[in-house]
């Protein structure tokens, strides 16, 4: 099933992103941890939404996305202060039983962020000199920009 292969890719990508978030979280780098937690949570939420009803991993994926989102809100609420609650109080391990995460298939190129940004006409010369403009140029992944 192509949908489940995409779900497997989303979950695998989210778990790799969450590994980075955990590293930043444990080093008390809240801003970086928040960014990576948000990305991981969004990927998992997308994966859960694509899982067919009744799929054995759907609830676990959705629950894990929510756990990560809870950790994100907690870190944001601290306003840069050091976290006193350990990561494990919010986020546990995700156990999938029927998805083969190694067999996951990435999205088609037209869904790739760099392709979408490039198609919008953004370039290093046209992007505003703001943080958002910088992010757009970085999203292009172009060596010329």
C-alpha atoms as a PDB file:
ATOM      1  CA  UNK A   1       0.000   0.000   0.000  1.00  0.00           C
ATOM      2  CA  UNK A   2       1.632   3.289  -1.106  1.00  0.00           C
ATOM      3  CA  UNK A   3      -0.092   5.242   1.662  1.00  0.00           C
ATOM      4  CA  UNK A   4       1.374   3.018   4.365  1.00  0.00           C
ATOM      5  CA  UNK A   5       4.823   3.280   2.770  1.00  0.00           C
ATOM      6  CA  UNK A   6       4.509   7.059   3.002  1.00  0.00           C
ATOM      7  CA  UNK A   7       3.272   6.775   6.603  1.00  0.00           C
ATOM      8  CA  UNK A   8       6.306   4.624   7.416  1.00  0.00           C
ATOM      9  CA  UNK A   9       8.599   7.263   5.894  1.00  0.00           C
ATOM     10  CA  UNK A  10       6.896  10.049   7.884  1.00  0.00           C
ATOM     11  CA  UNK A  11       7.251   8.108  11.134  1.00  0.00           C
ATOM     12  CA  UNK A  12      10.903   7.283  10.433  1.00  0.00           C
ATOM     13  CA  UNK A  13      11.654  10.902   9.546  1.00  0.00           C
ATOM     14  CA  UNK A  14       9.855  12.081  12.687  1.00  0.00           C
ATOM     15  CA  UNK A  15      11.847   9.706  14.875  1.00  0.00           C
ATOM     16  CA  UNK A  16      15.133  10.926  13.374  1.00  0.00           C
ATOM     17  CA  UNK A  17      14.048  14.519  14.005  1.00  0.00           C
ATOM     18  CA  UNK A  18      12.984  13.632  17.530  1.00  0.00           C
ATOM     19  CA  UNK A  19      16.452  12.172  18.215  1.00  0.00           C
ATOM     20  CA  UNK A  20      17.862  15.625  17.486  1.00  0.00           C
ATOM     21  CA  UNK A  21      15.212  17.222  19.697  1.00  0.00           C
ATOM     22  CA  UNK A  22      16.083  14.891  22.566  1.00  0.00           C
ATOM     23  CA  UNK A  23      19.761  15.760  22.231  1.00  0.00           C
ATOM     24  CA  UNK A  24      19.015  19.495  22.334  1.00  0.00           C
ATOM     25  CA  UNK A  25      16.515  19.012  25.170  1.00  0.00           C
ATOM     26  CA  UNK A  26      19.028  17.135  27.309  1.00  0.00           C
ATOM     27  CA  UNK A  27      21.642  19.852  26.696  1.00  0.00           C
ATOM     28  CA  UNK A  28      19.130  22.535  27.770  1.00  0.00           C
ATOM     29  CA  UNK A  29      19.087  24.117  24.301  1.00  0.00           C
ATOM     30  CA  UNK A  30      15.377  24.919  24.501  1.00  0.00           C
ATOM     31  CA  UNK A  31      14.940  26.870  21.250  1.00  0.00           C
ATOM     32  CA  UNK A  32      16.515  24.113  19.164  1.00  0.00           C
ATOM     33  CA  UNK A  33      14.671  21.406  21.090  1.00  0.00           C
ATOM     34  CA  UNK A  34      11.349  23.199  20.556  1.00  0.00           C
ATOM     35  CA  UNK A  35      11.978  23.515  16.818  1.00  0.00           C
ATOM     36  CA  UNK A  36      12.804  19.825  16.406  1.00  0.00           C
ATOM     37  CA  UNK A  37      10.011  18.669  18.743  1.00  0.00           C
ATOM     38  CA  UNK A  38       7.519  20.700  16.665  1.00  0.00           C
ATOM     39  CA  UNK A  39       8.769  19.179  13.424  1.00  0.00           C
ATOM     40  CA  UNK A  40       8.642  15.646  14.806  1.00  0.00           C
ATOM     41  CA  UNK A  41       5.177  16.140  16.262  1.00  0.00           C
ATOM     42  CA  UNK A  42       3.861  17.552  12.974  1.00  0.00           C
ATOM     43  CA  UNK A  43       5.274  14.611  10.982  1.00  0.00           C
ATOM     44  CA  UNK A  44       3.748  12.108  13.390  1.00  0.00           C
ATOM     45  CA  UNK A  45       0.384  13.883  13.353  1.00  0.00           C
ATOM     46  CA  UNK A  46       0.439  13.788   9.550  1.00  0.00           C
ATOM     47  CA  UNK A  47       1.354  10.094   9.622  1.00  0.00           C
ATOM     48  CA  UNK A  48      -1.490   9.334  12.036  1.00  0.00           C
ATOM     49  CA  UNK A  49      -3.956  11.240   9.866  1.00  0.00           C
ATOM     50  CA  UNK A  50      -2.920   9.192   6.821  1.00  0.00           C
ATOM     51  CA  UNK A  51      -3.204   5.854   8.644  1.00  0.00           C
ATOM     52  CA  UNK A  52      -6.420   4.063   7.768  1.00  0.00           C
ATOM     53  CA  UNK A  53      -8.982   3.705  10.550  1.00  0.00           C
ATOM     54  CA  UNK A  54      -8.356   0.546  12.496  1.00  0.00           C
ATOM     55  CA  UNK A  55      -4.647   0.403  11.635  1.00  0.00           C
ATOM     56  CA  UNK A  56      -2.839  -1.108  14.653  1.00  0.00           C
ATOM     57  CA  UNK A  57      -0.254   1.719  14.852  1.00  0.00           C
ATOM     58  CA  UNK A  58      -2.568   4.706  14.271  1.00  0.00           C
ATOM     59  CA  UNK A  59      -3.357   5.403  17.941  1.00  0.00           C
ATOM     60  CA  UNK A  60       0.249   4.934  19.093  1.00  0.00           C
ATOM     61  CA  UNK A  61       1.514   7.361  16.432  1.00  0.00           C
ATOM     62  CA  UNK A  62      -1.147   9.956  17.305  1.00  0.00           C
ATOM     63  CA  UNK A  63      -0.453   9.577  21.031  1.00  0.00           C
ATOM     64  CA  UNK A  64       3.289   9.987  20.507  1.00  0.00           C
ATOM     65  CA  UNK A  65       2.691  13.132  18.442  1.00  0.00           C
ATOM     66  CA  UNK A  66       0.615  14.516  21.318  1.00  0.00           C
ATOM     67  CA  UNK A  67       3.275  13.596  23.896  1.00  0.00           C
ATOM     68  CA  UNK A  68       5.900  15.478  21.899  1.00  0.00           C
ATOM     69  CA  UNK A  69       3.542  18.451  21.485  1.00  0.00           C
ATOM     70  CA  UNK A  70       3.050  18.487  25.267  1.00  0.00           C
ATOM     71  CA  UNK A  71       6.815  18.621  25.794  1.00  0.00           C
ATOM     72  CA  UNK A  72       7.012  21.473  23.278  1.00  0.00           C
ATOM     73  CA  UNK A  73       4.373  23.491  25.145  1.00  0.00           C
ATOM     74  CA  UNK A  74       6.180  22.835  28.428  1.00  0.00           C
ATOM     75  CA  UNK A  75       9.518  24.057  27.053  1.00  0.00           C
ATOM     76  CA  UNK A  76       7.859  27.116  25.513  1.00  0.00           C
ATOM     77  CA  UNK A  77       6.184  27.936  28.827  1.00  0.00           C
ATOM     78  CA  UNK A  78       9.581  28.163  30.511  1.00  0.00           C
ATOM     79  CA  UNK A  79      10.581  31.164  28.414  1.00  0.00           C
ATOM     80  CA  UNK A  80      14.155  29.954  28.070  1.00  0.00           C
ATOM     81  CA  UNK A  81      14.566  28.818  31.692  1.00  0.00           C
ATOM     82  CA  UNK A  82      16.058  25.400  32.354  1.00  0.00           C
ATOM     83  CA  UNK A  83      13.577  22.533  32.288  1.00  0.00           C
ATOM     84  CA  UNK A  84      13.013  20.901  35.656  1.00  0.00           C
ATOM     85  CA  UNK A  85      10.818  18.049  34.433  1.00  0.00           C
ATOM     86  CA  UNK A  86      12.756  15.316  32.672  1.00  0.00           C
ATOM     87  CA  UNK A  87      11.953  14.589  29.051  1.00  0.00           C
ATOM     88  CA  UNK A  88      10.724  11.133  30.026  1.00  0.00           C
ATOM     89  CA  UNK A  89       7.877  12.715  32.032  1.00  0.00           C
ATOM     90  CA  UNK A  90       6.374  13.847  28.730  1.00  0.00           C
ATOM     91  CA  UNK A  91       7.723  11.600  25.976  1.00  0.00           C
ATOM     92  CA  UNK A  92       8.131   7.834  25.989  1.00  0.00           C
ATOM     93  CA  UNK A  93       9.179   5.441  23.264  1.00  0.00           C
ATOM     94  CA  UNK A  94       7.037   4.912  20.184  1.00  0.00           C
ATOM     95  CA  UNK A  95       6.370   1.258  19.476  1.00  0.00           C
ATOM     96  CA  UNK A  96       4.994   0.443  16.052  1.00  0.00           C
ATOM     97  CA  UNK A  97       3.950  -3.129  15.431  1.00  0.00           C
ATOM     98  CA  UNK A  98       3.025  -3.353  11.766  1.00  0.00           C
ATOM     99  CA  UNK A  99       4.885  -0.586   9.917  1.00  0.00           C
ATOM    100  CA  UNK A 100       8.277  -1.327   8.390  1.00  0.00           C
ATOM    101  CA  UNK A 101      10.029   2.001   8.937  1.00  0.00           C
ATOM    102  CA  UNK A 102      12.969   0.944   6.753  1.00  0.00           C
ATOM    103  CA  UNK A 103      10.641   0.402   3.790  1.00  0.00           C
ATOM    104  CA  UNK A 104       9.199   3.915   3.967  1.00  0.00           C
ATOM    105  CA  UNK A 105       8.926   5.959   0.785  1.00  0.00           C
ATOM    106  CA  UNK A 106       9.585   9.729   0.840  1.00  0.00           C
ATOM    107  CA  UNK A 107       7.064  12.130  -0.667  1.00  0.00           C
ATOM    108  CA  UNK A 108       7.130  12.721  -4.410  1.00  0.00           C
ATOM    109  CA  UNK A 109       9.340  15.616  -5.541  1.00  0.00           C
ATOM    110  CA  UNK A 110       6.427  18.018  -6.035  1.00  0.00           C
ATOM    111  CA  UNK A 111       5.799  17.816  -2.274  1.00  0.00           C
ATOM    112  CA  UNK A 112       9.442  18.586  -1.481  1.00  0.00           C
ATOM    113  CA  UNK A 113       9.762  21.927   0.330  1.00  0.00           C
ATOM    114  CA  UNK A 114      12.701  23.079  -1.781  1.00  0.00           C
ATOM    115  CA  UNK A 115      10.763  22.444  -4.998  1.00  0.00           C
ATOM    116  CA  UNK A 116       7.686  24.236  -3.678  1.00  0.00           C
ATOM    117  CA  UNK A 117       9.698  27.268  -2.544  1.00  0.00           C
ATOM    118  CA  UNK A 118      11.604  27.404  -5.832  1.00  0.00           C
ATOM    119  CA  UNK A 119       8.334  27.178  -7.771  1.00  0.00           C
ATOM    120  CA  UNK A 120       7.065  30.231  -5.875  1.00  0.00           C
ATOM    121  CA  UNK A 121       9.790  32.355  -7.476  1.00  0.00           C
ATOM    122  CA  UNK A 122      11.749  33.009  -4.284  1.00  0.00           C
ATOM    123  CA  UNK A 123      15.466  33.521  -4.757  1.00  0.00           C
ATOM    124  CA  UNK A 124      18.325  34.877  -2.714  1.00  0.00           C
ATOM    125  CA  UNK A 125      17.910  38.189  -4.520  1.00  0.00           C
ATOM    126  CA  UNK A 126      14.155  38.475  -3.992  1.00  0.00           C
ATOM    127  CA  UNK A 127      13.826  37.188  -0.419  1.00  0.00           C
ATOM    128  CA  UNK A 128      13.409  39.876   2.255  1.00  0.00           C
ATOM    129  CA  UNK A 129      16.227  40.450   4.740  1.00  0.00           C
ATOM    130  CA  UNK A 130      14.290  38.905   7.608  1.00  0.00           C
ATOM    131  CA  UNK A 131      14.419  35.630   9.473  1.00  0.00           C
ATOM    132  CA  UNK A 132      11.559  34.362   7.295  1.00  0.00           C
ATOM    133  CA  UNK A 133      13.449  35.391   4.144  1.00  0.00           C
ATOM    134  CA  UNK A 134      16.520  33.546   5.365  1.00  0.00           C
ATOM    135  CA  UNK A 135      14.433  30.437   5.999  1.00  0.00           C
ATOM    136  CA  UNK A 136      12.999  30.621   2.483  1.00  0.00           C
ATOM    137  CA  UNK A 137      16.465  30.828   0.949  1.00  0.00           C
ATOM    138  CA  UNK A 138      17.709  27.970   3.141  1.00  0.00           C
ATOM    139  CA  UNK A 139      14.679  25.915   2.090  1.00  0.00           C
ATOM    140  CA  UNK A 140      15.770  26.254  -1.534  1.00  0.00           C
ATOM    141  CA  UNK A 141      18.819  24.082  -0.793  1.00  0.00           C
ATOM    142  CA  UNK A 142      20.501  25.766  -3.742  1.00  0.00           C
ATOM    143  CA  UNK A 143      24.307  26.103  -3.793  1.00  0.00           C
ATOM    144  CA  UNK A 144      23.959  29.305  -5.850  1.00  0.00           C
ATOM    145  CA  UNK A 145      21.799  31.014  -3.236  1.00  0.00           C
END
